[in-house]
């Protein structure tokens, strides 16, 4: 009888051992797997019990299966996370960590940026790497006099192609000491050598940055000036040409205003009608543009 009981107990423990998980992998890593494909991916990419536990110890207990797999694929490890913490990055999100590894944000890069005076946050660090804001680029900008650019301005320079060659081209065209915002705006709107040649044809040998941008944004060219001339207008300063564009001056528009006397309320009404903006106020325009708009309207009312 005792032998039989002993045999049954041994059999019971053997069954228990056979049914128990063969490793803590099934208890820990598999608890994050929602499907059979997740479990297979865990095996393929090495999402192991020890890997998961190392992340949990660092506070990353809320990762999902896709994030754990991405961590393994891109090399986000406990040691990497610790290295980022030591560099002052704090607790990075899973997405930030994956982006860091994809785009090459590492200790050397962050230390290099820190030496240049930039203690980057996660978004700026990734943007710098994506757009190529490097030590050499920053030193080139410093040589050109742009030593106080912030992170957003540096990224804008790279996105829009503001570089040493472009700055030199603008200087040849007479634009010295352009601000960072002017340079970016010039690149966005296409103020370049070809455009400035067209402005020369209009008789504008020198332009301020604001004048050049206004003429470019409103697409003022020689054909437009000649058309306004045929309508009887004769005063063609940069501001007035832009004002004509703002007012969308046409022959019919001129005919309707000839001989009229306009007060400020009339000017507001005209601008609302021509721009589609029903909240026109004088403060919407800089003083030079407001003066130019008034001047164009005054010229039109005096036409025969």
C-alpha atoms as a PDB file:
ATOM      1  CA  UNK A   1       0.000   0.000   0.000  1.00  0.00           C
ATOM      2  CA  UNK A   2       2.789   2.400   0.943  1.00  0.00           C
ATOM      3  CA  UNK A   3       4.593   1.573  -2.293  1.00  0.00           C
ATOM      4  CA  UNK A   4       1.447   2.356  -4.245  1.00  0.00           C
ATOM      5  CA  UNK A   5       0.993   5.713  -2.481  1.00  0.00           C
ATOM      6  CA  UNK A   6       4.647   6.547  -3.097  1.00  0.00           C
ATOM      7  CA  UNK A   7       4.245   5.640  -6.765  1.00  0.00           C
ATOM      8  CA  UNK A   8       1.142   7.825  -7.116  1.00  0.00           C
ATOM      9  CA  UNK A   9       2.843  10.777  -5.456  1.00  0.00           C
ATOM     10  CA  UNK A  10       5.868  10.449  -7.727  1.00  0.00           C
ATOM     11  CA  UNK A  11       3.600  10.278 -10.766  1.00  0.00           C
ATOM     12  CA  UNK A  12       1.738  13.384  -9.619  1.00  0.00           C
ATOM     13  CA  UNK A  13       4.916  15.422  -9.208  1.00  0.00           C
ATOM     14  CA  UNK A  14       6.208  14.248 -12.592  1.00  0.00           C
ATOM     15  CA  UNK A  15       2.994  15.444 -14.247  1.00  0.00           C
ATOM     16  CA  UNK A  16       3.235  18.793 -12.439  1.00  0.00           C
ATOM     17  CA  UNK A  17       6.812  19.239 -13.609  1.00  0.00           C
ATOM     18  CA  UNK A  18       5.904  18.358 -17.178  1.00  0.00           C
ATOM     19  CA  UNK A  19       3.052  20.846 -17.214  1.00  0.00           C
ATOM     20  CA  UNK A  20       5.040  23.646 -15.591  1.00  0.00           C
ATOM     21  CA  UNK A  21       6.740  26.257 -17.824  1.00  0.00           C
ATOM     22  CA  UNK A  22      10.192  25.137 -18.893  1.00  0.00           C
ATOM     23  CA  UNK A  23      11.562  28.627 -18.156  1.00  0.00           C
ATOM     24  CA  UNK A  24      10.508  31.937 -16.688  1.00  0.00           C
ATOM     25  CA  UNK A  25      10.296  33.177 -20.348  1.00  0.00           C
ATOM     26  CA  UNK A  26       6.729  31.870 -20.541  1.00  0.00           C
ATOM     27  CA  UNK A  27       5.807  33.557 -17.270  1.00  0.00           C
ATOM     28  CA  UNK A  28       7.375  36.967 -17.942  1.00  0.00           C
ATOM     29  CA  UNK A  29       7.906  37.676 -21.639  1.00  0.00           C
ATOM     30  CA  UNK A  30       4.827  35.815 -22.823  1.00  0.00           C
ATOM     31  CA  UNK A  31       2.621  37.899 -20.535  1.00  0.00           C
ATOM     32  CA  UNK A  32       3.232  40.750 -23.010  1.00  0.00           C
ATOM     33  CA  UNK A  33       2.377  38.649 -26.062  1.00  0.00           C
ATOM     34  CA  UNK A  34      -1.209  38.979 -27.276  1.00  0.00           C
ATOM     35  CA  UNK A  35      -1.072  36.374 -30.016  1.00  0.00           C
ATOM     36  CA  UNK A  36       0.823  33.408 -31.357  1.00  0.00           C
ATOM     37  CA  UNK A  37       2.529  35.677 -33.907  1.00  0.00           C
ATOM     38  CA  UNK A  38       3.730  37.886 -31.026  1.00  0.00           C
ATOM     39  CA  UNK A  39       5.204  34.874 -29.265  1.00  0.00           C
ATOM     40  CA  UNK A  40       6.929  33.768 -32.450  1.00  0.00           C
ATOM     41  CA  UNK A  41       8.326  37.271 -32.974  1.00  0.00           C
ATOM     42  CA  UNK A  42       9.558  37.273 -29.375  1.00  0.00           C
ATOM     43  CA  UNK A  43      11.490  34.077 -30.072  1.00  0.00           C
ATOM     44  CA  UNK A  44      12.903  35.336 -33.370  1.00  0.00           C
ATOM     45  CA  UNK A  45      14.064  38.692 -32.034  1.00  0.00           C
ATOM     46  CA  UNK A  46      15.141  37.579 -28.597  1.00  0.00           C
ATOM     47  CA  UNK A  47      12.519  39.143 -26.346  1.00  0.00           C
ATOM     48  CA  UNK A  48      13.530  37.066 -23.381  1.00  0.00           C
ATOM     49  CA  UNK A  49      12.658  36.987 -19.727  1.00  0.00           C
ATOM     50  CA  UNK A  50      15.887  38.702 -18.730  1.00  0.00           C
ATOM     51  CA  UNK A  51      15.430  41.397 -21.400  1.00  0.00           C
ATOM     52  CA  UNK A  52      11.911  42.199 -20.187  1.00  0.00           C
ATOM     53  CA  UNK A  53      12.969  42.212 -16.526  1.00  0.00           C
ATOM     54  CA  UNK A  54      15.844  44.598 -17.272  1.00  0.00           C
ATOM     55  CA  UNK A  55      13.349  47.044 -18.777  1.00  0.00           C
ATOM     56  CA  UNK A  56      10.832  46.616 -15.950  1.00  0.00           C
ATOM     57  CA  UNK A  57      13.551  47.532 -13.440  1.00  0.00           C
ATOM     58  CA  UNK A  58      13.992  50.826 -15.310  1.00  0.00           C
ATOM     59  CA  UNK A  59      10.292  51.585 -15.128  1.00  0.00           C
ATOM     60  CA  UNK A  60       9.262  50.258 -18.539  1.00  0.00           C
ATOM     61  CA  UNK A  61       6.620  47.792 -17.404  1.00  0.00           C
ATOM     62  CA  UNK A  62       3.862  49.148 -19.646  1.00  0.00           C
ATOM     63  CA  UNK A  63       5.372  48.280 -23.021  1.00  0.00           C
ATOM     64  CA  UNK A  64       3.276  46.360 -25.523  1.00  0.00           C
ATOM     65  CA  UNK A  65       4.441  43.494 -27.712  1.00  0.00           C
ATOM     66  CA  UNK A  66       5.218  45.703 -30.721  1.00  0.00           C
ATOM     67  CA  UNK A  67       7.344  48.040 -28.606  1.00  0.00           C
ATOM     68  CA  UNK A  68       9.306  45.165 -27.082  1.00  0.00           C
ATOM     69  CA  UNK A  69       9.982  43.733 -30.526  1.00  0.00           C
ATOM     70  CA  UNK A  70      11.003  47.177 -31.829  1.00  0.00           C
ATOM     71  CA  UNK A  71      13.333  47.612 -28.848  1.00  0.00           C
ATOM     72  CA  UNK A  72      15.123  44.392 -29.774  1.00  0.00           C
ATOM     73  CA  UNK A  73      15.223  45.155 -33.504  1.00  0.00           C
ATOM     74  CA  UNK A  74      16.681  48.635 -33.026  1.00  0.00           C
ATOM     75  CA  UNK A  75      18.906  47.902 -30.047  1.00  0.00           C
ATOM     76  CA  UNK A  76      17.099  49.670 -27.239  1.00  0.00           C
ATOM     77  CA  UNK A  77      18.608  47.937 -24.214  1.00  0.00           C
ATOM     78  CA  UNK A  78      18.826  48.685 -20.515  1.00  0.00           C
ATOM     79  CA  UNK A  79      22.390  49.874 -20.942  1.00  0.00           C
ATOM     80  CA  UNK A  80      21.363  52.242 -23.743  1.00  0.00           C
ATOM     81  CA  UNK A  81      18.504  53.659 -21.668  1.00  0.00           C
ATOM     82  CA  UNK A  82      20.865  54.174 -18.723  1.00  0.00           C
ATOM     83  CA  UNK A  83      23.373  55.951 -20.958  1.00  0.00           C
ATOM     84  CA  UNK A  84      20.659  58.372 -22.075  1.00  0.00           C
ATOM     85  CA  UNK A  85      19.660  59.022 -18.452  1.00  0.00           C
ATOM     86  CA  UNK A  86      23.253  59.770 -17.544  1.00  0.00           C
ATOM     87  CA  UNK A  87      23.310  62.384 -20.294  1.00  0.00           C
ATOM     88  CA  UNK A  88      20.309  64.132 -18.733  1.00  0.00           C
ATOM     89  CA  UNK A  89      17.565  62.898 -21.052  1.00  0.00           C
ATOM     90  CA  UNK A  90      15.327  61.728 -18.183  1.00  0.00           C
ATOM     91  CA  UNK A  91      12.681  59.072 -18.752  1.00  0.00           C
ATOM     92  CA  UNK A  92      12.238  58.803 -22.494  1.00  0.00           C
ATOM     93  CA  UNK A  93       9.098  57.352 -24.020  1.00  0.00           C
ATOM     94  CA  UNK A  94       9.240  54.112 -25.962  1.00  0.00           C
ATOM     95  CA  UNK A  95       8.752  56.041 -29.216  1.00  0.00           C
ATOM     96  CA  UNK A  96      11.575  58.438 -28.323  1.00  0.00           C
ATOM     97  CA  UNK A  97      13.956  55.584 -27.561  1.00  0.00           C
ATOM     98  CA  UNK A  98      13.163  53.817 -30.816  1.00  0.00           C
ATOM     99  CA  UNK A  99      13.549  57.077 -32.769  1.00  0.00           C
ATOM    100  CA  UNK A 100      16.867  57.732 -31.035  1.00  0.00           C
ATOM    101  CA  UNK A 101      18.226  54.369 -32.155  1.00  0.00           C
ATOM    102  CA  UNK A 102      16.837  54.651 -35.686  1.00  0.00           C
ATOM    103  CA  UNK A 103      18.311  58.108 -36.264  1.00  0.00           C
ATOM    104  CA  UNK A 104      21.570  57.633 -34.391  1.00  0.00           C
ATOM    105  CA  UNK A 105      21.067  59.722 -31.279  1.00  0.00           C
ATOM    106  CA  UNK A 106      23.810  58.421 -29.029  1.00  0.00           C
ATOM    107  CA  UNK A 107      26.125  59.550 -26.290  1.00  0.00           C
ATOM    108  CA  UNK A 108      28.740  60.958 -28.638  1.00  0.00           C
ATOM    109  CA  UNK A 109      26.188  63.034 -30.528  1.00  0.00           C
ATOM    110  CA  UNK A 110      24.543  64.445 -27.394  1.00  0.00           C
ATOM    111  CA  UNK A 111      27.909  65.224 -25.809  1.00  0.00           C
ATOM    112  CA  UNK A 112      29.011  66.969 -29.012  1.00  0.00           C
ATOM    113  CA  UNK A 113      25.855  69.095 -29.021  1.00  0.00           C
ATOM    114  CA  UNK A 114      26.275  69.870 -25.330  1.00  0.00           C
ATOM    115  CA  UNK A 115      29.814  71.098 -25.959  1.00  0.00           C
ATOM    116  CA  UNK A 116      28.345  73.483 -28.535  1.00  0.00           C
ATOM    117  CA  UNK A 117      25.877  74.833 -25.976  1.00  0.00           C
ATOM    118  CA  UNK A 118      22.819  72.761 -26.892  1.00  0.00           C
ATOM    119  CA  UNK A 119      21.240  70.602 -24.188  1.00  0.00           C
ATOM    120  CA  UNK A 120      18.690  69.095 -26.533  1.00  0.00           C
ATOM    121  CA  UNK A 121      15.340  67.624 -25.601  1.00  0.00           C
ATOM    122  CA  UNK A 122      14.181  64.417 -27.272  1.00  0.00           C
ATOM    123  CA  UNK A 123      12.332  66.096 -30.169  1.00  0.00           C
ATOM    124  CA  UNK A 124      15.203  68.443 -30.988  1.00  0.00           C
ATOM    125  CA  UNK A 125      17.765  65.640 -30.814  1.00  0.00           C
ATOM    126  CA  UNK A 126      15.836  63.554 -33.348  1.00  0.00           C
ATOM    127  CA  UNK A 127      15.213  66.611 -35.570  1.00  0.00           C
ATOM    128  CA  UNK A 128      18.919  67.462 -35.555  1.00  0.00           C
ATOM    129  CA  UNK A 129      19.792  63.939 -36.678  1.00  0.00           C
ATOM    130  CA  UNK A 130      17.030  63.720 -39.299  1.00  0.00           C
ATOM    131  CA  UNK A 131      17.847  67.066 -40.920  1.00  0.00           C
ATOM    132  CA  UNK A 132      21.620  66.958 -40.564  1.00  0.00           C
ATOM    133  CA  UNK A 133      22.304  69.627 -37.988  1.00  0.00           C
ATOM    134  CA  UNK A 134      25.899  68.646 -37.336  1.00  0.00           C
ATOM    135  CA  UNK A 135      28.856  70.176 -35.599  1.00  0.00           C
ATOM    136  CA  UNK A 136      30.404  71.209 -38.918  1.00  0.00           C
ATOM    137  CA  UNK A 137      27.160  72.856 -40.084  1.00  0.00           C
ATOM    138  CA  UNK A 138      26.851  74.785 -36.830  1.00  0.00           C
ATOM    139  CA  UNK A 139      30.449  75.952 -37.040  1.00  0.00           C
ATOM    140  CA  UNK A 140      29.864  77.094 -40.641  1.00  0.00           C
ATOM    141  CA  UNK A 141      26.897  79.153 -39.454  1.00  0.00           C
ATOM    142  CA  UNK A 142      28.964  80.649 -36.640  1.00  0.00           C
ATOM    143  CA  UNK A 143      31.613  81.752 -39.140  1.00  0.00           C
ATOM    144  CA  UNK A 144      28.862  83.539 -41.075  1.00  0.00           C
ATOM    145  CA  UNK A 145      27.841  85.434 -37.955  1.00  0.00           C
ATOM    146  CA  UNK A 146      24.990  83.200 -36.832  1.00  0.00           C
ATOM    147  CA  UNK A 147      26.350  82.144 -33.461  1.00  0.00           C
ATOM    148  CA  UNK A 148      23.115  82.585 -31.508  1.00  0.00           C
ATOM    149  CA  UNK A 149      20.716  80.418 -33.512  1.00  0.00           C
ATOM    150  CA  UNK A 150      18.345  78.296 -31.450  1.00  0.00           C
ATOM    151  CA  UNK A 151      17.461  74.689 -32.191  1.00  0.00           C
ATOM    152  CA  UNK A 152      14.356  75.547 -34.240  1.00  0.00           C
ATOM    153  CA  UNK A 153      16.273  78.016 -36.398  1.00  0.00           C
ATOM    154  CA  UNK A 154      19.068  75.531 -37.084  1.00  0.00           C
ATOM    155  CA  UNK A 155      16.556  72.904 -38.152  1.00  0.00           C
ATOM    156  CA  UNK A 156      14.776  75.465 -40.364  1.00  0.00           C
ATOM    157  CA  UNK A 157      18.088  76.355 -41.994  1.00  0.00           C
ATOM    158  CA  UNK A 158      18.677  72.707 -42.861  1.00  0.00           C
ATOM    159  CA  UNK A 159      15.115  72.034 -44.007  1.00  0.00           C
ATOM    160  CA  UNK A 160      15.025  75.028 -46.345  1.00  0.00           C
ATOM    161  CA  UNK A 161      18.609  74.895 -47.562  1.00  0.00           C
ATOM    162  CA  UNK A 162      20.089  77.938 -45.887  1.00  0.00           C
ATOM    163  CA  UNK A 163      23.821  77.314 -46.093  1.00  0.00           C
ATOM    164  CA  UNK A 164      27.079  79.133 -46.701  1.00  0.00           C
ATOM    165  CA  UNK A 165      26.595  79.132 -50.485  1.00  0.00           C
ATOM    166  CA  UNK A 166      23.131  80.668 -50.228  1.00  0.00           C
ATOM    167  CA  UNK A 167      24.290  83.356 -47.808  1.00  0.00           C
ATOM    168  CA  UNK A 168      27.156  84.207 -50.205  1.00  0.00           C
ATOM    169  CA  UNK A 169      24.713  84.386 -53.137  1.00  0.00           C
ATOM    170  CA  UNK A 170      22.507  86.813 -51.219  1.00  0.00           C
ATOM    171  CA  UNK A 171      25.502  88.998 -50.371  1.00  0.00           C
ATOM    172  CA  UNK A 172      26.449  89.177 -54.053  1.00  0.00           C
ATOM    173  CA  UNK A 173      22.881  90.354 -54.739  1.00  0.00           C
ATOM    174  CA  UNK A 174      23.304  93.123 -52.184  1.00  0.00           C
ATOM    175  CA  UNK A 175      21.600  91.533 -49.210  1.00  0.00           C
ATOM    176  CA  UNK A 176      24.161  91.851 -46.455  1.00  0.00           C
ATOM    177  CA  UNK A 177      23.467  91.039 -42.819  1.00  0.00           C
ATOM    178  CA  UNK A 178      20.175  89.257 -43.452  1.00  0.00           C
ATOM    179  CA  UNK A 179      18.502  87.919 -40.310  1.00  0.00           C
ATOM    180  CA  UNK A 180      17.926  84.219 -39.801  1.00  0.00           C
ATOM    181  CA  UNK A 181      14.195  84.709 -40.408  1.00  0.00           C
ATOM    182  CA  UNK A 182      14.875  86.636 -43.627  1.00  0.00           C
ATOM    183  CA  UNK A 183      17.141  83.894 -44.959  1.00  0.00           C
ATOM    184  CA  UNK A 184      14.557  81.201 -44.301  1.00  0.00           C
ATOM    185  CA  UNK A 185      11.807  83.339 -45.846  1.00  0.00           C
ATOM    186  CA  UNK A 186      13.976  84.000 -48.917  1.00  0.00           C
ATOM    187  CA  UNK A 187      14.439  80.254 -49.398  1.00  0.00           C
ATOM    188  CA  UNK A 188      10.772  79.447 -48.813  1.00  0.00           C
ATOM    189  CA  UNK A 189       9.502  82.042 -51.288  1.00  0.00           C
ATOM    190  CA  UNK A 190      12.278  81.840 -53.860  1.00  0.00           C
ATOM    191  CA  UNK A 191      14.115  85.126 -53.588  1.00  0.00           C
ATOM    192  CA  UNK A 192      17.164  84.258 -55.704  1.00  0.00           C
ATOM    193  CA  UNK A 193      19.394  85.576 -58.443  1.00  0.00           C
ATOM    194  CA  UNK A 194      16.840  84.968 -61.199  1.00  0.00           C
ATOM    195  CA  UNK A 195      14.149  86.815 -59.277  1.00  0.00           C
ATOM    196  CA  UNK A 196      16.449  89.745 -58.574  1.00  0.00           C
ATOM    197  CA  UNK A 197      17.278  89.965 -62.307  1.00  0.00           C
ATOM    198  CA  UNK A 198      13.546  90.337 -62.950  1.00  0.00           C
ATOM    199  CA  UNK A 199      13.358  93.069 -60.322  1.00  0.00           C
ATOM    200  CA  UNK A 200      16.228  94.860 -62.050  1.00  0.00           C
ATOM    201  CA  UNK A 201      14.123  94.833 -65.210  1.00  0.00           C
ATOM    202  CA  UNK A 202      11.430  96.607 -63.183  1.00  0.00           C
ATOM    203  CA  UNK A 203      13.963  99.255 -62.244  1.00  0.00           C
ATOM    204  CA  UNK A 204      14.554  98.060 -58.694  1.00  0.00           C
ATOM    205  CA  UNK A 205      18.327  97.918 -58.370  1.00  0.00           C
ATOM    206  CA  UNK A 206      18.247  97.682 -54.596  1.00  0.00           C
ATOM    207  CA  UNK A 207      15.497  96.301 -52.393  1.00  0.00           C
ATOM    208  CA  UNK A 208      15.090  95.823 -48.680  1.00  0.00           C
ATOM    209  CA  UNK A 209      14.394  92.250 -47.502  1.00  0.00           C
ATOM    210  CA  UNK A 210      10.760  93.140 -46.816  1.00  0.00           C
ATOM    211  CA  UNK A 211      10.348  94.691 -50.262  1.00  0.00           C
ATOM    212  CA  UNK A 212      11.890  91.677 -51.991  1.00  0.00           C
ATOM    213  CA  UNK A 213       9.685  89.265 -50.062  1.00  0.00           C
ATOM    214  CA  UNK A 214       6.551  91.305 -50.737  1.00  0.00           C
ATOM    215  CA  UNK A 215       7.218  91.421 -54.479  1.00  0.00           C
ATOM    216  CA  UNK A 216       7.996  87.692 -54.560  1.00  0.00           C
ATOM    217  CA  UNK A 217       5.066  86.574 -52.412  1.00  0.00           C
ATOM    218  CA  UNK A 218       2.591  88.573 -54.535  1.00  0.00           C
ATOM    219  CA  UNK A 219       4.237  87.497 -57.793  1.00  0.00           C
ATOM    220  CA  UNK A 220       4.913  90.986 -59.096  1.00  0.00           C
ATOM    221  CA  UNK A 221       6.714  90.989 -62.429  1.00  0.00           C
ATOM    222  CA  UNK A 222       7.273  93.206 -65.477  1.00  0.00           C
ATOM    223  CA  UNK A 223       4.100  92.040 -67.215  1.00  0.00           C
ATOM    224  CA  UNK A 224       2.025  92.993 -64.203  1.00  0.00           C
ATOM    225  CA  UNK A 225       3.639  96.426 -63.960  1.00  0.00           C
ATOM    226  CA  UNK A 226       2.990  97.027 -67.671  1.00  0.00           C
ATOM    227  CA  UNK A 227      -0.657  96.041 -67.273  1.00  0.00           C
ATOM    228  CA  UNK A 228      -1.096  98.495 -64.404  1.00  0.00           C
ATOM    229  CA  UNK A 229       0.541 101.136 -66.586  1.00  0.00           C
ATOM    230  CA  UNK A 230      -2.004 100.522 -69.349  1.00  0.00           C
ATOM    231  CA  UNK A 231      -4.731 101.116 -66.762  1.00  0.00           C
ATOM    232  CA  UNK A 232      -3.306 104.581 -66.187  1.00  0.00           C
ATOM    233  CA  UNK A 233      -1.340 104.062 -62.988  1.00  0.00           C
ATOM    234  CA  UNK A 234       2.145 105.521 -62.908  1.00  0.00           C
ATOM    235  CA  UNK A 235       3.580 105.339 -59.377  1.00  0.00           C
ATOM    236  CA  UNK A 236       5.342 102.002 -59.123  1.00  0.00           C
ATOM    237  CA  UNK A 237       7.272 101.744 -55.888  1.00  0.00           C
ATOM    238  CA  UNK A 238       7.706  98.193 -54.551  1.00  0.00           C
ATOM    239  CA  UNK A 239       5.103  98.866 -51.870  1.00  0.00           C
ATOM    240  CA  UNK A 240       2.577 100.266 -54.341  1.00  0.00           C
ATOM    241  CA  UNK A 241       2.956  97.330 -56.716  1.00  0.00           C
ATOM    242  CA  UNK A 242       2.307  94.979 -53.811  1.00  0.00           C
ATOM    243  CA  UNK A 243      -0.651  97.153 -52.763  1.00  0.00           C
ATOM    244  CA  UNK A 244      -2.085  96.790 -56.278  1.00  0.00           C
ATOM    245  CA  UNK A 245      -1.820  93.032 -55.898  1.00  0.00           C
ATOM    246  CA  UNK A 246      -3.467  93.149 -52.470  1.00  0.00           C
ATOM    247  CA  UNK A 247      -6.312  95.207 -53.922  1.00  0.00           C
ATOM    248  CA  UNK A 248      -6.517  92.936 -56.984  1.00  0.00           C
ATOM    249  CA  UNK A 249      -6.657  95.994 -59.245  1.00  0.00           C
ATOM    250  CA  UNK A 250      -8.463  95.394 -62.524  1.00  0.00           C
ATOM    251  CA  UNK A 251      -9.813  97.691 -65.211  1.00  0.00           C
ATOM    252  CA  UNK A 252     -13.335  97.258 -63.860  1.00  0.00           C
ATOM    253  CA  UNK A 253     -12.146  97.991 -60.314  1.00  0.00           C
ATOM    254  CA  UNK A 254     -10.574 101.225 -61.545  1.00  0.00           C
ATOM    255  CA  UNK A 255     -13.686 102.241 -63.488  1.00  0.00           C
ATOM    256  CA  UNK A 256     -15.845 101.793 -60.375  1.00  0.00           C
ATOM    257  CA  UNK A 257     -13.610 104.030 -58.248  1.00  0.00           C
ATOM    258  CA  UNK A 258     -12.808 106.857 -60.653  1.00  0.00           C
ATOM    259  CA  UNK A 259     -13.968 110.170 -59.276  1.00  0.00           C
ATOM    260  CA  UNK A 260     -15.037 108.730 -55.936  1.00  0.00           C
ATOM    261  CA  UNK A 261     -14.193 110.298 -52.576  1.00  0.00           C
ATOM    262  CA  UNK A 262     -13.083 107.679 -50.062  1.00  0.00           C
ATOM    263  CA  UNK A 263     -12.915 107.882 -46.291  1.00  0.00           C
ATOM    264  CA  UNK A 264     -11.264 105.326 -43.997  1.00  0.00           C
ATOM    265  CA  UNK A 265     -14.447 103.263 -43.650  1.00  0.00           C
ATOM    266  CA  UNK A 266     -14.637 103.043 -47.449  1.00  0.00           C
ATOM    267  CA  UNK A 267     -11.055 101.774 -47.519  1.00  0.00           C
ATOM    268  CA  UNK A 268     -11.896  99.091 -44.950  1.00  0.00           C
ATOM    269  CA  UNK A 269     -14.910  98.038 -47.027  1.00  0.00           C
ATOM    270  CA  UNK A 270     -12.815  97.862 -50.201  1.00  0.00           C
ATOM    271  CA  UNK A 271     -10.125  95.796 -48.504  1.00  0.00           C
ATOM    272  CA  UNK A 272     -12.712  93.429 -47.005  1.00  0.00           C
ATOM    273  CA  UNK A 273     -14.246  92.983 -50.433  1.00  0.00           C
ATOM    274  CA  UNK A 274     -10.939  92.525 -52.283  1.00  0.00           C
ATOM    275  CA  UNK A 275      -9.231  90.275 -49.718  1.00  0.00           C
ATOM    276  CA  UNK A 276     -12.222  88.319 -48.413  1.00  0.00           C
ATOM    277  CA  UNK A 277     -11.224  89.261 -44.878  1.00  0.00           C
ATOM    278  CA  UNK A 278     -14.229  90.670 -43.004  1.00  0.00           C
ATOM    279  CA  UNK A 279     -12.119  91.804 -40.045  1.00  0.00           C
ATOM    280  CA  UNK A 280      -9.836  94.261 -41.779  1.00  0.00           C
ATOM    281  CA  UNK A 281      -8.191  96.745 -39.474  1.00  0.00           C
ATOM    282  CA  UNK A 282      -5.436  99.235 -40.042  1.00  0.00           C
ATOM    283  CA  UNK A 283      -3.223  97.309 -37.629  1.00  0.00           C
ATOM    284  CA  UNK A 284      -3.282  94.358 -40.046  1.00  0.00           C
ATOM    285  CA  UNK A 285      -0.829  96.268 -42.234  1.00  0.00           C
ATOM    286  CA  UNK A 286       2.522  97.804 -41.515  1.00  0.00           C
ATOM    287  CA  UNK A 287       2.584 101.613 -41.903  1.00  0.00           C
ATOM    288  CA  UNK A 288       4.361 101.516 -45.279  1.00  0.00           C
ATOM    289  CA  UNK A 289       1.827  99.091 -46.747  1.00  0.00           C
ATOM    290  CA  UNK A 290      -1.125 101.026 -45.342  1.00  0.00           C
ATOM    291  CA  UNK A 291       0.260 104.174 -46.876  1.00  0.00           C
ATOM    292  CA  UNK A 292       0.774 102.402 -50.203  1.00  0.00           C
ATOM    293  CA  UNK A 293      -2.810 101.073 -50.231  1.00  0.00           C
ATOM    294  CA  UNK A 294      -4.144 104.547 -49.554  1.00  0.00           C
ATOM    295  CA  UNK A 295      -1.876 105.963 -52.242  1.00  0.00           C
ATOM    296  CA  UNK A 296      -3.039 103.496 -54.891  1.00  0.00           C
ATOM    297  CA  UNK A 297      -6.698 104.123 -54.084  1.00  0.00           C
ATOM    298  CA  UNK A 298      -6.114 107.876 -54.159  1.00  0.00           C
ATOM    299  CA  UNK A 299      -4.411 107.619 -57.558  1.00  0.00           C
ATOM    300  CA  UNK A 300      -7.308 105.569 -58.923  1.00  0.00           C
ATOM    301  CA  UNK A 301      -9.956 108.039 -57.754  1.00  0.00           C
ATOM    302  CA  UNK A 302      -8.084 110.840 -59.541  1.00  0.00           C
ATOM    303  CA  UNK A 303      -7.954 109.053 -62.897  1.00  0.00           C
ATOM    304  CA  UNK A 304     -10.060 110.515 -65.693  1.00  0.00           C
END
